[in-house]
């Protein structure tokens, strides 16, 4: 899985994304330190646990902010 993730980031860079400098992780995997270290080793950048580890947190923020903009 970590190799697949690394390849995904490589492809994003090939298509013009900025270079990866770090990754914030969320969800169940964020609680597993061994998995986090493995990902960091394969990606070559720090992998940090997000302050909000619930996987849907970012989506909820986007939805909330989008709803606010609609009211303006």
PDB file of N, CA and C in Angstrom:
ATOM      1  N   UNK A   1       0.820  -1.183   0.000  1.00  0.00           N
ATOM      2  CA  UNK A   1       0.000   0.000   0.000  1.00  0.00           C
ATOM      3  C   UNK A   1       0.868   1.252   0.000  1.00  0.00           C
ATOM      4  N   UNK A   2       1.921   1.245   0.787  1.00  0.00           N
ATOM      5  CA  UNK A   2       2.791   2.418   0.852  1.00  0.00           C
ATOM      6  C   UNK A   2       3.470   2.667  -0.497  1.00  0.00           C
ATOM      7  N   UNK A   3       3.816   1.606  -1.195  1.00  0.00           N
ATOM      8  CA  UNK A   3       4.421   1.761  -2.525  1.00  0.00           C
ATOM      9  C   UNK A   3       3.405   2.346  -3.505  1.00  0.00           C
ATOM     10  N   UNK A   4       2.176   1.911  -3.414  1.00  0.00           N
ATOM     11  CA  UNK A   4       1.120   2.451  -4.288  1.00  0.00           C
ATOM     12  C   UNK A   4       0.897   3.926  -3.974  1.00  0.00           C
ATOM     13  N   UNK A   5       0.873   4.276  -2.702  1.00  0.00           N
ATOM     14  CA  UNK A   5       0.716   5.676  -2.314  1.00  0.00           C
ATOM     15  C   UNK A   5       1.875   6.513  -2.865  1.00  0.00           C
ATOM     16  N   UNK A   6       3.100   6.001  -2.723  1.00  0.00           N
ATOM     17  CA  UNK A   6       4.267   6.714  -3.248  1.00  0.00           C
ATOM     18  C   UNK A   6       4.128   6.946  -4.746  1.00  0.00           C
ATOM     19  N   UNK A   7       3.703   5.924  -5.469  1.00  0.00           N
ATOM     20  CA  UNK A   7       3.539   6.051  -6.929  1.00  0.00           C
ATOM     21  C   UNK A   7       2.464   7.084  -7.258  1.00  0.00           C
ATOM     22  N   UNK A   8       1.404   7.129  -6.480  1.00  0.00           N
ATOM     23  CA  UNK A   8       0.356   8.124  -6.700  1.00  0.00           C
ATOM     24  C   UNK A   8       0.891   9.540  -6.555  1.00  0.00           C
ATOM     25  N   UNK A   9       1.686   9.782  -5.535  1.00  0.00           N
ATOM     26  CA  UNK A   9       2.278  11.108  -5.349  1.00  0.00           C
ATOM     27  C   UNK A   9       3.273  11.416  -6.469  1.00  0.00           C
ATOM     28  N   UNK A  10       4.016  10.413  -6.935  1.00  0.00           N
ATOM     29  CA  UNK A  10       4.937  10.620  -8.055  1.00  0.00           C
ATOM     30  C   UNK A  10       4.171  11.044  -9.306  1.00  0.00           C
ATOM     31  N   UNK A  11       3.066  10.374  -9.569  1.00  0.00           N
ATOM     32  CA  UNK A  11       2.253  10.722 -10.740  1.00  0.00           C
ATOM     33  C   UNK A  11       1.685  12.131 -10.622  1.00  0.00           C
ATOM     34  N   UNK A  12       1.228  12.491  -9.442  1.00  0.00           N
ATOM     35  CA  UNK A  12       0.723  13.851  -9.249  1.00  0.00           C
ATOM     36  C   UNK A  12       1.797  14.881  -9.576  1.00  0.00           C
ATOM     37  N   UNK A  13       3.025  14.632  -9.142  1.00  0.00           N
ATOM     38  CA  UNK A  13       4.121  15.555  -9.441  1.00  0.00           C
ATOM     39  C   UNK A  13       4.418  15.600 -10.930  1.00  0.00           C
ATOM     40  N   UNK A  14       4.340  14.453 -11.596  1.00  0.00           N
ATOM     41  CA  UNK A  14       4.553  14.426 -13.046  1.00  0.00           C
ATOM     42  C   UNK A  14       3.511  15.261 -13.783  1.00  0.00           C
ATOM     43  N   UNK A  15       2.336  15.377 -13.210  1.00  0.00           N
ATOM     44  CA  UNK A  15       1.265  16.163 -13.818  1.00  0.00           C
ATOM     45  C   UNK A  15       1.240  17.610 -13.327  1.00  0.00           C
ATOM     46  N   UNK A  16       2.268  18.006 -12.563  1.00  0.00           N
ATOM     47  CA  UNK A  16       2.399  19.404 -12.199  1.00  0.00           C
ATOM     48  C   UNK A  16       2.159  19.767 -10.745  1.00  0.00           C
ATOM     49  N   UNK A  17       1.836  18.813  -9.903  1.00  0.00           N
ATOM     50  CA  UNK A  17       1.638  19.113  -8.481  1.00  0.00           C
ATOM     51  C   UNK A  17       2.981  19.472  -7.845  1.00  0.00           C
ATOM     52  N   UNK A  18       2.930  20.235  -6.783  1.00  0.00           N
ATOM     53  CA  UNK A  18       4.156  20.585  -6.080  1.00  0.00           C
ATOM     54  C   UNK A  18       4.748  19.347  -5.408  1.00  0.00           C
ATOM     55  N   UNK A  19       6.044  19.409  -5.149  1.00  0.00           N
ATOM     56  CA  UNK A  19       6.728  18.289  -4.498  1.00  0.00           C
ATOM     57  C   UNK A  19       6.165  18.058  -3.108  1.00  0.00           C
ATOM     58  N   UNK A  20       6.126  16.818  -2.741  1.00  0.00           N
ATOM     59  CA  UNK A  20       5.610  16.417  -1.439  1.00  0.00           C
ATOM     60  C   UNK A  20       6.622  16.785  -0.358  1.00  0.00           C
ATOM     61  N   UNK A  21       6.154  17.477   0.682  1.00  0.00           N
ATOM     62  CA  UNK A  21       7.055  17.838   1.777  1.00  0.00           C
ATOM     63  C   UNK A  21       6.610  17.212   3.100  1.00  0.00           C
ATOM     64  N   UNK A  22       5.415  16.678   3.136  1.00  0.00           N
ATOM     65  CA  UNK A  22       4.889  16.037   4.332  1.00  0.00           C
ATOM     66  C   UNK A  22       3.462  15.596   4.084  1.00  0.00           C
ATOM     67  N   UNK A  23       2.996  14.703   4.921  1.00  0.00           N
ATOM     68  CA  UNK A  23       1.648  14.154   4.794  1.00  0.00           C
ATOM     69  C   UNK A  23       0.983  14.175   6.161  1.00  0.00           C
ATOM     70  N   UNK A  24      -0.241  14.653   6.209  1.00  0.00           N
ATOM     71  CA  UNK A  24      -1.070  14.526   7.409  1.00  0.00           C
ATOM     72  C   UNK A  24      -1.994  13.347   7.196  1.00  0.00           C
ATOM     73  N   UNK A  25      -2.130  12.521   8.193  1.00  0.00           N
ATOM     74  CA  UNK A  25      -2.926  11.317   8.070  1.00  0.00           C
ATOM     75  C   UNK A  25      -4.108  11.354   9.036  1.00  0.00           C
ATOM     76  N   UNK A  26      -5.192  10.717   8.630  1.00  0.00           N
ATOM     77  CA  UNK A  26      -6.406  10.672   9.444  1.00  0.00           C
ATOM     78  C   UNK A  26      -7.044   9.300   9.297  1.00  0.00           C
ATOM     79  N   UNK A  27      -8.089   9.071  10.056  1.00  0.00           N
ATOM     80  CA  UNK A  27      -8.776   7.787   9.998  1.00  0.00           C
ATOM     81  C   UNK A  27      -8.110   6.754  10.886  1.00  0.00           C
ATOM     82  N   UNK A  28      -8.521   5.520  10.743  1.00  0.00           N
ATOM     83  CA  UNK A  28      -8.030   4.450  11.596  1.00  0.00           C
ATOM     84  C   UNK A  28      -6.535   4.220  11.502  1.00  0.00           C
ATOM     85  N   UNK A  29      -5.965   4.354  10.291  1.00  0.00           N
ATOM     86  CA  UNK A  29      -4.538   4.143  10.106  1.00  0.00           C
ATOM     87  C   UNK A  29      -3.680   5.141  10.849  1.00  0.00           C
ATOM     88  N   UNK A  30      -4.227   6.310  11.127  1.00  0.00           N
ATOM     89  CA  UNK A  30      -3.470   7.349  11.835  1.00  0.00           C
ATOM     90  C   UNK A  30      -3.120   6.926  13.251  1.00  0.00           C
ATOM     91  N   UNK A  31      -3.826   5.968  13.785  1.00  0.00           N
ATOM     92  CA  UNK A  31      -3.579   5.498  15.151  1.00  0.00           C
ATOM     93  C   UNK A  31      -2.478   4.446  15.230  1.00  0.00           C
ATOM     94  N   UNK A  32      -2.030   3.963  14.070  1.00  0.00           N
ATOM     95  CA  UNK A  32      -1.045   2.886  14.028  1.00  0.00           C
ATOM     96  C   UNK A  32       0.339   3.467  13.736  1.00  0.00           C
ATOM     97  N   UNK A  33       1.191   3.535  14.754  1.00  0.00           N
ATOM     98  CA  UNK A  33       2.512   4.145  14.618  1.00  0.00           C
ATOM     99  C   UNK A  33       3.404   3.389  13.637  1.00  0.00           C
ATOM    100  N   UNK A  34       3.324   2.063  13.629  1.00  0.00           N
ATOM    101  CA  UNK A  34       4.143   1.267  12.709  1.00  0.00           C
ATOM    102  C   UNK A  34       3.769   1.594  11.265  1.00  0.00           C
ATOM    103  N   UNK A  35       2.490   1.651  10.967  1.00  0.00           N
ATOM    104  CA  UNK A  35       2.016   1.988   9.628  1.00  0.00           C
ATOM    105  C   UNK A  35       2.465   3.404   9.244  1.00  0.00           C
ATOM    106  N   UNK A  36       2.381   4.340  10.173  1.00  0.00           N
ATOM    107  CA  UNK A  36       2.803   5.717   9.910  1.00  0.00           C
ATOM    108  C   UNK A  36       4.291   5.768   9.573  1.00  0.00           C
ATOM    109  N   UNK A  37       5.102   5.044  10.315  1.00  0.00           N
ATOM    110  CA  UNK A  37       6.545   5.015  10.050  1.00  0.00           C
ATOM    111  C   UNK A  37       6.853   4.361   8.710  1.00  0.00           C
ATOM    112  N   UNK A  38       6.134   3.311   8.371  1.00  0.00           N
ATOM    113  CA  UNK A  38       6.326   2.643   7.086  1.00  0.00           C
ATOM    114  C   UNK A  38       6.013   3.593   5.945  1.00  0.00           C
ATOM    115  N   UNK A  39       4.896   4.298   6.044  1.00  0.00           N
ATOM    116  CA  UNK A  39       4.524   5.276   5.014  1.00  0.00           C
ATOM    117  C   UNK A  39       5.587   6.362   4.890  1.00  0.00           C
ATOM    118  N   UNK A  40       6.064   6.870   6.009  1.00  0.00           N
ATOM    119  CA  UNK A  40       7.077   7.918   5.997  1.00  0.00           C
ATOM    120  C   UNK A  40       8.353   7.437   5.305  1.00  0.00           C
ATOM    121  N   UNK A  41       8.745   6.224   5.602  1.00  0.00           N
ATOM    122  CA  UNK A  41       9.951   5.663   4.978  1.00  0.00           C
ATOM    123  C   UNK A  41       9.785   5.542   3.464  1.00  0.00           C
ATOM    124  N   UNK A  42       8.650   5.066   3.011  1.00  0.00           N
ATOM    125  CA  UNK A  42       8.417   4.889   1.577  1.00  0.00           C
ATOM    126  C   UNK A  42       8.220   6.215   0.853  1.00  0.00           C
ATOM    127  N   UNK A  43       7.588   7.175   1.515  1.00  0.00           N
ATOM    128  CA  UNK A  43       7.341   8.468   0.874  1.00  0.00           C
ATOM    129  C   UNK A  43       8.555   9.395   0.953  1.00  0.00           C
ATOM    130  N   UNK A  44       9.415   9.173   1.926  1.00  0.00           N
ATOM    131  CA  UNK A  44      10.584  10.015   2.082  1.00  0.00           C
ATOM    132  C   UNK A  44      10.290  11.379   2.685  1.00  0.00           C
ATOM    133  N   UNK A  45       9.147  11.497   3.342  1.00  0.00           N
ATOM    134  CA  UNK A  45       8.752  12.743   4.002  1.00  0.00           C
ATOM    135  C   UNK A  45       8.098  12.398   5.338  1.00  0.00           C
ATOM    136  N   UNK A  46       8.014  13.368   6.252  1.00  0.00           N
ATOM    137  CA  UNK A  46       7.323  13.098   7.513  1.00  0.00           C
ATOM    138  C   UNK A  46       5.832  12.822   7.296  1.00  0.00           C
ATOM    139  N   UNK A  47       5.310  11.849   8.009  1.00  0.00           N
ATOM    140  CA  UNK A  47       3.877  11.566   8.018  1.00  0.00           C
ATOM    141  C   UNK A  47       3.414  11.829   9.442  1.00  0.00           C
ATOM    142  N   UNK A  48       2.520  12.797   9.570  1.00  0.00           N
ATOM    143  CA  UNK A  48       2.069  13.218  10.905  1.00  0.00           C
ATOM    144  C   UNK A  48       0.582  12.951  11.073  1.00  0.00           C
ATOM    145  N   UNK A  49       0.221  12.670  12.292  1.00  0.00           N
ATOM    146  CA  UNK A  49      -1.185  12.478  12.621  1.00  0.00           C
ATOM    147  C   UNK A  49      -1.877  13.840  12.654  1.00  0.00           C
ATOM    148  N   UNK A  50      -2.962  13.951  11.943  1.00  0.00           N
ATOM    149  CA  UNK A  50      -3.723  15.183  11.912  1.00  0.00           C
ATOM    150  C   UNK A  50      -4.357  15.440  13.279  1.00  0.00           C
ATOM    151  N   UNK A  51      -4.491  16.715  13.664  1.00  0.00           N
ATOM    152  CA  UNK A  51      -5.170  16.997  14.934  1.00  0.00           C
ATOM    153  C   UNK A  51      -6.591  16.426  14.965  1.00  0.00           C
ATOM    154  N   UNK A  52      -7.239  16.379  13.825  1.00  0.00           N
ATOM    155  CA  UNK A  52      -8.567  15.775  13.704  1.00  0.00           C
ATOM    156  C   UNK A  52      -8.404  14.485  12.904  1.00  0.00           C
ATOM    157  N   UNK A  53      -8.530  13.346  13.560  1.00  0.00           N
ATOM    158  CA  UNK A  53      -8.258  12.076  12.884  1.00  0.00           C
ATOM    159  C   UNK A  53      -9.493  11.426  12.272  1.00  0.00           C
ATOM    160  N   UNK A  54     -10.649  12.000  12.461  1.00  0.00           N
ATOM    161  CA  UNK A  54     -11.850  11.455  11.833  1.00  0.00           C
ATOM    162  C   UNK A  54     -11.749  11.695  10.328  1.00  0.00           C
ATOM    163  N   UNK A  55     -11.856  10.625   9.547  1.00  0.00           N
ATOM    164  CA  UNK A  55     -11.643  10.709   8.107  1.00  0.00           C
ATOM    165  C   UNK A  55     -12.577  11.700   7.416  1.00  0.00           C
ATOM    166  N   UNK A  56     -13.767  11.882   7.908  1.00  0.00           N
ATOM    167  CA  UNK A  56     -14.745  12.753   7.253  1.00  0.00           C
ATOM    168  C   UNK A  56     -14.655  14.207   7.722  1.00  0.00           C
ATOM    169  N   UNK A  57     -13.727  14.533   8.587  1.00  0.00           N
ATOM    170  CA  UNK A  57     -13.650  15.880   9.155  1.00  0.00           C
ATOM    171  C   UNK A  57     -13.454  16.950   8.074  1.00  0.00           C
ATOM    172  N   UNK A  58     -12.509  16.729   7.175  1.00  0.00           N
ATOM    173  CA  UNK A  58     -12.251  17.708   6.114  1.00  0.00           C
ATOM    174  C   UNK A  58     -13.449  17.908   5.214  1.00  0.00           C
ATOM    175  N   UNK A  59     -14.124  16.836   4.871  1.00  0.00           N
ATOM    176  CA  UNK A  59     -15.315  16.929   4.041  1.00  0.00           C
ATOM    177  C   UNK A  59     -16.407  17.708   4.751  1.00  0.00           C
ATOM    178  N   UNK A  60     -16.553  17.476   6.036  1.00  0.00           N
ATOM    179  CA  UNK A  60     -17.552  18.205   6.813  1.00  0.00           C
ATOM    180  C   UNK A  60     -17.234  19.699   6.843  1.00  0.00           C
ATOM    181  N   UNK A  61     -15.956  20.052   6.973  1.00  0.00           N
ATOM    182  CA  UNK A  61     -15.569  21.466   6.946  1.00  0.00           C
ATOM    183  C   UNK A  61     -15.881  22.104   5.601  1.00  0.00           C
ATOM    184  N   UNK A  62     -15.564  21.397   4.531  1.00  0.00           N
ATOM    185  CA  UNK A  62     -15.869  21.920   3.200  1.00  0.00           C
ATOM    186  C   UNK A  62     -17.369  22.137   3.025  1.00  0.00           C
ATOM    187  N   UNK A  63     -18.146  21.184   3.469  1.00  0.00           N
ATOM    188  CA  UNK A  63     -19.601  21.307   3.357  1.00  0.00           C
ATOM    189  C   UNK A  63     -20.112  22.476   4.185  1.00  0.00           C
ATOM    190  N   UNK A  64     -19.591  22.625   5.388  1.00  0.00           N
ATOM    191  CA  UNK A  64     -20.024  23.711   6.260  1.00  0.00           C
ATOM    192  C   UNK A  64     -19.654  25.068   5.654  1.00  0.00           C
ATOM    193  N   UNK A  65     -18.420  25.184   5.147  1.00  0.00           N
ATOM    194  CA  UNK A  65     -17.988  26.436   4.556  1.00  0.00           C
ATOM    195  C   UNK A  65     -18.743  26.741   3.278  1.00  0.00           C
ATOM    196  N   UNK A  66     -19.035  25.737   2.494  1.00  0.00           N
ATOM    197  CA  UNK A  66     -19.822  25.936   1.277  1.00  0.00           C
ATOM    198  C   UNK A  66     -21.218  26.416   1.598  1.00  0.00           C
ATOM    199  N   UNK A  67     -21.786  25.877   2.651  1.00  0.00           N
ATOM    200  CA  UNK A  67     -23.137  26.286   3.071  1.00  0.00           C
ATOM    201  C   UNK A  67     -23.130  27.738   3.521  1.00  0.00           C
ATOM    202  N   UNK A  68     -22.094  28.155   4.211  1.00  0.00           N
ATOM    203  CA  UNK A  68     -21.980  29.544   4.653  1.00  0.00           C
ATOM    204  C   UNK A  68     -21.908  30.483   3.469  1.00  0.00           C
ATOM    205  N   UNK A  69     -21.147  30.093   2.443  1.00  0.00           N
ATOM    206  CA  UNK A  69     -21.006  30.951   1.268  1.00  0.00           C
ATOM    207  C   UNK A  69     -22.337  31.098   0.532  1.00  0.00           C
ATOM    208  N   UNK A  70     -23.157  30.063   0.533  1.00  0.00           N
ATOM    209  CA  UNK A  70     -24.443  30.112  -0.139  1.00  0.00           C
ATOM    210  C   UNK A  70     -25.368  31.106   0.535  1.00  0.00           C
ATOM    211  N   UNK A  71     -25.195  31.327   1.816  1.00  0.00           N
ATOM    212  CA  UNK A  71     -26.062  32.236   2.568  1.00  0.00           C
ATOM    213  C   UNK A  71     -25.687  33.697   2.353  1.00  0.00           C
ATOM    214  N   UNK A  72     -24.484  33.949   1.869  1.00  0.00           N
ATOM    215  CA  UNK A  72     -24.004  35.341   1.721  1.00  0.00           C
ATOM    216  C   UNK A  72     -24.792  36.112   0.684  1.00  0.00           C
TER     217      UNK A  72
END
